[in-house]
PDB file of N, CA and C in Angstrom:
ATOM      1  N   MET A   1       3.025  -8.387  -4.714  1.00  0.00           N
ATOM      2  CA  MET A   1       3.275  -8.389  -3.308  1.00  0.00           C
ATOM      3  C   MET A   1       2.584  -9.620  -2.730  1.00  0.00           C
ATOM      4  N   ILE A   2       3.249 -10.293  -1.843  1.00  0.00           N
ATOM      5  CA  ILE A   2       2.679 -11.460  -1.186  1.00  0.00           C
ATOM      6  C   ILE A   2       2.500 -11.141   0.296  1.00  0.00           C
ATOM      7  N   VAL A   3       1.298 -11.413   0.792  1.00  0.00           N
ATOM      8  CA  VAL A   3       0.971 -11.158   2.195  1.00  0.00           C
ATOM      9  C   VAL A   3       0.707 -12.494   2.872  1.00  0.00           C
ATOM     10  N   ALA A   4       1.331 -12.705   4.018  1.00  0.00           N
ATOM     11  CA  ALA A   4       1.129 -13.919   4.806  1.00  0.00           C
ATOM     12  C   ALA A   4       0.337 -13.566   6.055  1.00  0.00           C
ATOM     13  N   VAL A   5      -0.737 -14.322   6.297  1.00  0.00           N
ATOM     14  CA  VAL A   5      -1.578 -14.095   7.472  1.00  0.00           C
ATOM     15  C   VAL A   5      -1.656 -15.393   8.259  1.00  0.00           C
ATOM     16  N   ASN A   6      -1.309 -15.299   9.540  1.00  0.00           N
ATOM     17  CA  ASN A   6      -1.431 -16.432  10.451  1.00  0.00           C
ATOM     18  C   ASN A   6      -2.601 -16.166  11.370  1.00  0.00           C
ATOM     19  N   HIS A   7      -3.538 -17.089  11.406  1.00  0.00           N
ATOM     20  CA  HIS A   7      -4.712 -16.917  12.240  1.00  0.00           C
ATOM     21  C   HIS A   7      -4.419 -17.423  13.651  1.00  0.00           C
ATOM     22  N   PRO A   8      -4.759 -16.641  14.666  1.00  0.00           N
ATOM     23  CA  PRO A   8      -4.477 -17.029  16.052  1.00  0.00           C
ATOM     24  C   PRO A   8      -4.998 -18.430  16.376  1.00  0.00           C
ATOM     25  N   GLY A   9      -4.158 -19.205  17.043  1.00  0.00           N
ATOM     26  CA  GLY A   9      -4.537 -20.556  17.443  1.00  0.00           C
ATOM     27  C   GLY A   9      -4.341 -21.591  16.350  1.00  0.00           C
ATOM     28  N   SER A  10      -3.819 -21.171  15.226  1.00  0.00           N
ATOM     29  CA  SER A  10      -3.626 -22.089  14.107  1.00  0.00           C
ATOM     30  C   SER A  10      -2.174 -22.013  13.647  1.00  0.00           C
ATOM     31  N   GLU A  11      -1.669 -23.118  13.141  1.00  0.00           N
ATOM     32  CA  GLU A  11      -0.323 -23.116  12.575  1.00  0.00           C
ATOM     33  C   GLU A  11      -0.354 -22.835  11.079  1.00  0.00           C
ATOM     34  N   GLU A  12      -1.550 -22.761  10.515  1.00  0.00           N
ATOM     35  CA  GLU A  12      -1.684 -22.510   9.086  1.00  0.00           C
ATOM     36  C   GLU A  12      -1.424 -21.045   8.768  1.00  0.00           C
ATOM     37  N   VAL A  13      -0.802 -20.826   7.616  1.00  0.00           N
ATOM     38  CA  VAL A  13      -0.527 -19.482   7.132  1.00  0.00           C
ATOM     39  C   VAL A  13      -1.197 -19.337   5.775  1.00  0.00           C
ATOM     40  N   GLU A  14      -1.969 -18.277   5.646  1.00  0.00           N
ATOM     41  CA  GLU A  14      -2.673 -18.003   4.399  1.00  0.00           C
ATOM     42  C   GLU A  14      -1.838 -17.015   3.579  1.00  0.00           C
ATOM     43  N   LEU A  15      -1.484 -17.394   2.349  1.00  0.00           N
ATOM     44  CA  LEU A  15      -0.715 -16.521   1.462  1.00  0.00           C
ATOM     45  C   LEU A  15      -1.638 -15.946   0.398  1.00  0.00           C
ATOM     46  N   THR A  16      -1.536 -14.647   0.186  1.00  0.00           N
ATOM     47  CA  THR A  16      -2.330 -13.984  -0.839  1.00  0.00           C
ATOM     48  C   THR A  16      -1.408 -13.087  -1.647  1.00  0.00           C
ATOM     49  N   GLU A  17      -1.532 -13.157  -2.958  1.00  0.00           N
ATOM     50  CA  GLU A  17      -0.718 -12.325  -3.844  1.00  0.00           C
ATOM     51  C   GLU A  17      -1.552 -11.148  -4.341  1.00  0.00           C
ATOM     52  N   PHE A  18      -0.983  -9.950  -4.257  1.00  0.00           N
ATOM     53  CA  PHE A  18      -1.644  -8.740  -4.720  1.00  0.00           C
ATOM     54  C   PHE A  18      -0.822  -8.130  -5.845  1.00  0.00           C
ATOM     55  N   PRO A  19      -1.468  -7.785  -6.953  1.00  0.00           N
ATOM     56  CA  PRO A  19      -0.718  -7.166  -8.050  1.00  0.00           C
ATOM     57  C   PRO A  19      -0.284  -5.747  -7.682  1.00  0.00           C
ATOM     58  N   VAL A  20       0.908  -5.389  -8.076  1.00  0.00           N
ATOM     59  CA  VAL A  20       1.421  -4.038  -7.879  1.00  0.00           C
ATOM     60  C   VAL A  20       1.629  -3.453  -9.265  1.00  0.00           C
ATOM     61  N   PRO A  21       0.944  -2.348  -9.574  1.00  0.00           N
ATOM     62  CA  PRO A  21       1.073  -1.789 -10.916  1.00  0.00           C
ATOM     63  C   PRO A  21       2.490  -1.288 -11.178  1.00  0.00           C
ATOM     64  N   LYS A  22       2.945  -1.507 -12.388  1.00  0.00           N
ATOM     65  CA  LYS A  22       4.264  -1.011 -12.775  1.00  0.00           C
ATOM     66  C   LYS A  22       4.138   0.471 -13.094  1.00  0.00           C
ATOM     67  N   VAL A  23       4.948   1.265 -12.439  1.00  0.00           N
ATOM     68  CA  VAL A  23       4.957   2.703 -12.696  1.00  0.00           C
ATOM     69  C   VAL A  23       5.978   2.948 -13.804  1.00  0.00           C
ATOM     70  N   PRO A  24       5.556   3.570 -14.898  1.00  0.00           N
ATOM     71  CA  PRO A  24       6.516   3.851 -15.974  1.00  0.00           C
ATOM     72  C   PRO A  24       7.714   4.640 -15.445  1.00  0.00           C
ATOM     73  N   GLU A  25       8.889   4.256 -15.891  1.00  0.00           N
ATOM     74  CA  GLU A  25      10.130   4.848 -15.382  1.00  0.00           C
ATOM     75  C   GLU A  25      10.136   6.370 -15.475  1.00  0.00           C
ATOM     76  N   GLU A  26       9.551   6.906 -16.535  1.00  0.00           N
ATOM     77  CA  GLU A  26       9.562   8.365 -16.709  1.00  0.00           C
ATOM     78  C   GLU A  26       8.645   9.081 -15.708  1.00  0.00           C
ATOM     79  N   GLN A  27       7.766   8.341 -15.017  1.00  0.00           N
ATOM     80  CA  GLN A  27       6.883   8.944 -14.016  1.00  0.00           C
ATOM     81  C   GLN A  27       7.466   8.871 -12.600  1.00  0.00           C
ATOM     82  N   ILE A  28       8.534   8.094 -12.426  1.00  0.00           N
ATOM     83  CA  ILE A  28       9.136   7.964 -11.093  1.00  0.00           C
ATOM     84  C   ILE A  28      10.031   9.169 -10.843  1.00  0.00           C
ATOM     85  N   VAL A  29       9.688   9.919  -9.795  1.00  0.00           N
ATOM     86  CA  VAL A  29      10.425  11.138  -9.474  1.00  0.00           C
ATOM     87  C   VAL A  29      11.304  10.924  -8.250  1.00  0.00           C
ATOM     88  N   ASP A  30      10.747  10.320  -7.208  1.00  0.00           N
ATOM     89  CA  ASP A  30      11.473  10.169  -5.940  1.00  0.00           C
ATOM     90  C   ASP A  30      10.885   8.972  -5.193  1.00  0.00           C
ATOM     91  N   THR A  31      11.705   7.955  -4.933  1.00  0.00           N
ATOM     92  CA  THR A  31      11.203   6.760  -4.253  1.00  0.00           C
ATOM     93  C   THR A  31      11.277   6.862  -2.728  1.00  0.00           C
ATOM     94  N   ASN A  32      11.899   7.929  -2.217  1.00  0.00           N
ATOM     95  CA  ASN A  32      11.946   8.118  -0.762  1.00  0.00           C
ATOM     96  C   ASN A  32      10.531   8.255  -0.224  1.00  0.00           C
ATOM     97  N   GLY A  33      10.227   7.502   0.795  1.00  0.00           N
ATOM     98  CA  GLY A  33       8.932   7.606   1.440  1.00  0.00           C
ATOM     99  C   GLY A  33       7.882   6.652   0.902  1.00  0.00           C
ATOM    100  N   ALA A  34       8.210   5.884  -0.139  1.00  0.00           N
ATOM    101  CA  ALA A  34       7.220   4.965  -0.705  1.00  0.00           C
ATOM    102  C   ALA A  34       6.798   3.904   0.313  1.00  0.00           C
ATOM    103  N   GLY A  35       7.747   3.380   1.044  1.00  0.00           N
ATOM    104  CA  GLY A  35       7.431   2.376   2.063  1.00  0.00           C
ATOM    105  C   GLY A  35       6.626   2.958   3.206  1.00  0.00           C
ATOM    106  N   ASP A  36       6.993   4.169   3.626  1.00  0.00           N
ATOM    107  CA  ASP A  36       6.244   4.841   4.683  1.00  0.00           C
ATOM    108  C   ASP A  36       4.815   5.125   4.225  1.00  0.00           C
ATOM    109  N   ALA A  37       4.659   5.518   2.961  1.00  0.00           N
ATOM    110  CA  ALA A  37       3.325   5.792   2.422  1.00  0.00           C
ATOM    111  C   ALA A  37       2.496   4.513   2.404  1.00  0.00           C
ATOM    112  N   PHE A  38       3.133   3.398   2.021  1.00  0.00           N
ATOM    113  CA  PHE A  38       2.408   2.126   2.026  1.00  0.00           C
ATOM    114  C   PHE A  38       1.911   1.801   3.437  1.00  0.00           C
ATOM    115  N   VAL A  39       2.802   1.908   4.406  1.00  0.00           N
ATOM    116  CA  VAL A  39       2.440   1.588   5.791  1.00  0.00           C
ATOM    117  C   VAL A  39       1.343   2.525   6.287  1.00  0.00           C
ATOM    118  N   GLY A  40       1.438   3.805   5.960  1.00  0.00           N
ATOM    119  CA  GLY A  40       0.423   4.763   6.382  1.00  0.00           C
ATOM    120  C   GLY A  40      -0.943   4.430   5.797  1.00  0.00           C
ATOM    121  N   GLY A  41      -0.977   4.115   4.497  1.00  0.00           N
ATOM    122  CA  GLY A  41      -2.238   3.743   3.864  1.00  0.00           C
ATOM    123  C   GLY A  41      -2.791   2.457   4.437  1.00  0.00           C
ATOM    124  N   PHE A  42      -1.921   1.477   4.629  1.00  0.00           N
ATOM    125  CA  PHE A  42      -2.318   0.180   5.187  1.00  0.00           C
ATOM    126  C   PHE A  42      -2.905   0.359   6.591  1.00  0.00           C
ATOM    127  N   LEU A  43      -2.172   1.048   7.443  1.00  0.00           N
ATOM    128  CA  LEU A  43      -2.619   1.204   8.831  1.00  0.00           C
ATOM    129  C   LEU A  43      -3.879   2.064   8.953  1.00  0.00           C
ATOM    130  N   SER A  44      -4.032   3.042   8.054  1.00  0.00           N
ATOM    131  CA  SER A  44      -5.244   3.874   8.108  1.00  0.00           C
ATOM    132  C   SER A  44      -6.492   3.032   7.882  1.00  0.00           C
ATOM    133  N   GLN A  45      -6.379   2.013   7.052  1.00  0.00           N
ATOM    134  CA  GLN A  45      -7.516   1.137   6.782  1.00  0.00           C
ATOM    135  C   GLN A  45      -7.671   0.072   7.861  1.00  0.00           C
ATOM    136  N   LEU A  46      -6.550  -0.443   8.351  1.00  0.00           N
ATOM    137  CA  LEU A  46      -6.598  -1.440   9.416  1.00  0.00           C
ATOM    138  C   LEU A  46      -7.262  -0.848  10.657  1.00  0.00           C
ATOM    139  N   TYR A  47      -6.933   0.396  10.959  1.00  0.00           N
ATOM    140  CA  TYR A  47      -7.523   1.092  12.103  1.00  0.00           C
ATOM    141  C   TYR A  47      -9.048   1.190  11.973  1.00  0.00           C
ATOM    142  N   GLN A  48      -9.517   1.245  10.732  1.00  0.00           N
ATOM    143  CA  GLN A  48     -10.953   1.337  10.470  1.00  0.00           C
ATOM    144  C   GLN A  48     -11.603  -0.041  10.315  1.00  0.00           C
ATOM    145  N   ASP A  49     -10.873  -1.080  10.731  1.00  0.00           N
ATOM    146  CA  ASP A  49     -11.364  -2.459  10.683  1.00  0.00           C
ATOM    147  C   ASP A  49     -11.659  -2.964   9.277  1.00  0.00           C
ATOM    148  N   LYS A  50     -10.926  -2.461   8.282  1.00  0.00           N
ATOM    149  CA  LYS A  50     -11.077  -2.961   6.913  1.00  0.00           C
ATOM    150  C   LYS A  50     -10.349  -4.297   6.799  1.00  0.00           C
ATOM    151  N   ASP A  51     -10.727  -5.080   5.801  1.00  0.00           N
ATOM    152  CA  ASP A  51     -10.071  -6.370   5.592  1.00  0.00           C
ATOM    153  C   ASP A  51      -8.653  -6.161   5.061  1.00  0.00           C
ATOM    154  N   ILE A  52      -7.830  -7.196   5.171  1.00  0.00           N
ATOM    155  CA  ILE A  52      -6.415  -7.096   4.779  1.00  0.00           C
ATOM    156  C   ILE A  52      -6.274  -6.711   3.313  1.00  0.00           C
ATOM    157  N   ALA A  53      -7.122  -7.238   2.442  1.00  0.00           N
ATOM    158  CA  ALA A  53      -7.040  -6.909   1.011  1.00  0.00           C
ATOM    159  C   ALA A  53      -7.209  -5.413   0.793  1.00  0.00           C
ATOM    160  N   THR A  54      -8.164  -4.806   1.472  1.00  0.00           N
ATOM    161  CA  THR A  54      -8.378  -3.364   1.345  1.00  0.00           C
ATOM    162  C   THR A  54      -7.173  -2.602   1.882  1.00  0.00           C
ATOM    163  N   CYS A  55      -6.655  -3.022   3.018  1.00  0.00           N
ATOM    164  CA  CYS A  55      -5.483  -2.366   3.607  1.00  0.00           C
ATOM    165  C   CYS A  55      -4.302  -2.371   2.633  1.00  0.00           C
ATOM    166  N   VAL A  56      -4.047  -3.520   2.035  1.00  0.00           N
ATOM    167  CA  VAL A  56      -2.917  -3.652   1.109  1.00  0.00           C
ATOM    168  C   VAL A  56      -3.140  -2.800  -0.137  1.00  0.00           C
ATOM    169  N   LYS A  57      -4.335  -2.852  -0.700  1.00  0.00           N
ATOM    170  CA  LYS A  57      -4.615  -2.105  -1.932  1.00  0.00           C
ATOM    171  C   LYS A  57      -4.501  -0.601  -1.722  1.00  0.00           C
ATOM    172  N   VAL A  58      -4.975  -0.094  -0.588  1.00  0.00           N
ATOM    173  CA  VAL A  58      -4.851   1.337  -0.307  1.00  0.00           C
ATOM    174  C   VAL A  58      -3.379   1.694  -0.098  1.00  0.00           C
ATOM    175  N   GLY A  59      -2.632   0.847   0.595  1.00  0.00           N
ATOM    176  CA  GLY A  59      -1.195   1.089   0.769  1.00  0.00           C
ATOM    177  C   GLY A  59      -0.464   1.142  -0.563  1.00  0.00           C
ATOM    178  N   ILE A  60      -0.789   0.228  -1.451  1.00  0.00           N
ATOM    179  CA  ILE A  60      -0.165   0.218  -2.782  1.00  0.00           C
ATOM    180  C   ILE A  60      -0.526   1.492  -3.536  1.00  0.00           C
ATOM    181  N   ASN A  61      -1.828   1.851  -3.546  1.00  0.00           N
ATOM    182  CA  ASN A  61      -2.255   3.053  -4.270  1.00  0.00           C
ATOM    183  C   ASN A  61      -1.534   4.304  -3.773  1.00  0.00           C
ATOM    184  N   LEU A  62      -1.403   4.431  -2.474  1.00  0.00           N
ATOM    185  CA  LEU A  62      -0.745   5.606  -1.912  1.00  0.00           C
ATOM    186  C   LEU A  62       0.746   5.624  -2.243  1.00  0.00           C
ATOM    187  N   SER A  63       1.404   4.476  -2.164  1.00  0.00           N
ATOM    188  CA  SER A  63       2.842   4.449  -2.471  1.00  0.00           C
ATOM    189  C   SER A  63       3.099   4.731  -3.948  1.00  0.00           C
ATOM    190  N   VAL A  64       2.189   4.280  -4.821  1.00  0.00           N
ATOM    191  CA  VAL A  64       2.324   4.583  -6.257  1.00  0.00           C
ATOM    192  C   VAL A  64       2.221   6.088  -6.481  1.00  0.00           C
ATOM    193  N   ASP A  65       1.290   6.754  -5.781  1.00  0.00           N
ATOM    194  CA  ASP A  65       1.163   8.207  -5.915  1.00  0.00           C
ATOM    195  C   ASP A  65       2.407   8.926  -5.407  1.00  0.00           C
ATOM    196  N   VAL A  66       2.976   8.461  -4.311  1.00  0.00           N
ATOM    197  CA  VAL A  66       4.114   9.141  -3.685  1.00  0.00           C
ATOM    198  C   VAL A  66       5.371   9.099  -4.562  1.00  0.00           C
ATOM    199  N   VAL A  67       5.633   7.999  -5.251  1.00  0.00           N
ATOM    200  CA  VAL A  67       6.863   7.926  -6.063  1.00  0.00           C
ATOM    201  C   VAL A  67       6.813   8.853  -7.273  1.00  0.00           C
ATOM    202  N   LYS A  68       5.643   9.374  -7.576  1.00  0.00           N
ATOM    203  CA  LYS A  68       5.492  10.285  -8.716  1.00  0.00           C
ATOM    204  C   LYS A  68       5.695  11.741  -8.318  1.00  0.00           C
ATOM    205  N   ARG A  69       6.066  11.977  -7.057  1.00  0.00           N
ATOM    206  CA  ARG A  69       6.217  13.337  -6.547  1.00  0.00           C
ATOM    207  C   ARG A  69       7.608  13.519  -5.927  1.00  0.00           C
ATOM    208  N   SER A  70       8.031  14.748  -5.828  1.00  0.00           N
ATOM    209  CA  SER A  70       9.334  15.055  -5.249  1.00  0.00           C
ATOM    210  C   SER A  70       9.182  15.424  -3.787  1.00  0.00           C
ATOM    211  N   GLY A  71       9.988  14.806  -2.947  1.00  0.00           N
ATOM    212  CA  GLY A  71       9.999  15.143  -1.532  1.00  0.00           C
ATOM    213  C   GLY A  71       8.760  14.684  -0.793  1.00  0.00           C
ATOM    214  N   CYS A  72       8.566  15.255   0.370  1.00  0.00           N
ATOM    215  CA  CYS A  72       7.473  14.863   1.249  1.00  0.00           C
ATOM    216  C   CYS A  72       6.234  15.695   0.932  1.00  0.00           C
ATOM    217  N   THR A  73       5.611  15.379  -0.192  1.00  0.00           N
ATOM    218  CA  THR A  73       4.394  16.077  -0.595  1.00  0.00           C
ATOM    219  C   THR A  73       3.350  15.038  -0.981  1.00  0.00           C
ATOM    220  N   PHE A  74       2.108  15.460  -0.970  1.00  0.00           N
ATOM    221  CA  PHE A  74       1.016  14.584  -1.347  1.00  0.00           C
ATOM    222  C   PHE A  74       0.177  15.266  -2.415  1.00  0.00           C
ATOM    223  N   PRO A  75      -0.493  14.501  -3.232  1.00  0.00           N
ATOM    224  CA  PRO A  75      -1.376  15.101  -4.238  1.00  0.00           C
ATOM    225  C   PRO A  75      -2.560  15.800  -3.566  1.00  0.00           C
ATOM    226  N   GLU A  76      -3.243  16.684  -4.316  1.00  0.00           N
ATOM    227  CA  GLU A  76      -4.409  17.388  -3.789  1.00  0.00           C
ATOM    228  C   GLU A  76      -5.451  16.412  -3.290  1.00  0.00           C
ATOM    229  N   GLN A  77      -5.670  15.339  -4.063  1.00  0.00           N
ATOM    230  CA  GLN A  77      -6.627  14.302  -3.672  1.00  0.00           C
ATOM    231  C   GLN A  77      -5.899  12.972  -3.651  1.00  0.00           C
ATOM    232  N   ILE A  78      -6.200  12.177  -2.642  1.00  0.00           N
ATOM    233  CA  ILE A  78      -5.567  10.870  -2.491  1.00  0.00           C
ATOM    234  C   ILE A  78      -6.579   9.792  -2.828  1.00  0.00           C
ATOM    235  N   ASN A  79      -6.144   8.786  -3.579  1.00  0.00           N
ATOM    236  CA  ASN A  79      -7.024   7.681  -3.975  1.00  0.00           C
ATOM    237  C   ASN A  79      -7.102   6.672  -2.841  1.00  0.00           C
ATOM    238  N   TRP A  80      -8.099   6.825  -1.967  1.00  0.00           N
ATOM    239  CA  TRP A  80      -8.277   5.911  -0.845  1.00  0.00           C
ATOM    240  C   TRP A  80      -9.117   4.708  -1.235  1.00  0.00           C
ATOM    241  N   THR A  81      -9.654   4.718  -2.436  1.00  0.00           N
ATOM    242  CA  THR A  81     -10.515   3.620  -2.867  1.00  0.00           C
ATOM    243  C   THR A  81      -9.685   2.487  -3.431  1.00  0.00           C
ATOM    244  N   VAL A  82     -10.304   1.325  -3.514  1.00  0.00           N
ATOM    245  CA  VAL A  82      -9.626   0.143  -4.065  1.00  0.00           C
ATOM    246  C   VAL A  82     -10.340  -0.347  -5.300  1.00  0.00           C
TER     247      VAL A  82
END
């Protein structure tokens, strides 16, 4: 995943690449909601004033967990750590 950040008052854009783990095909159950899960994880960290890297990593972790489940369900414990 590539994230572009533009700093206010500057025309420069900072690009950062984040690795996204490959989920084995046999573990993918339902991809519906993966994007929403990413945004939810990302925004939950942004709201807490975490840095962009932390926001992205938590979003990725949550979306990886969601594709391994059927429907709108969450695991008993969510990996909020990076």
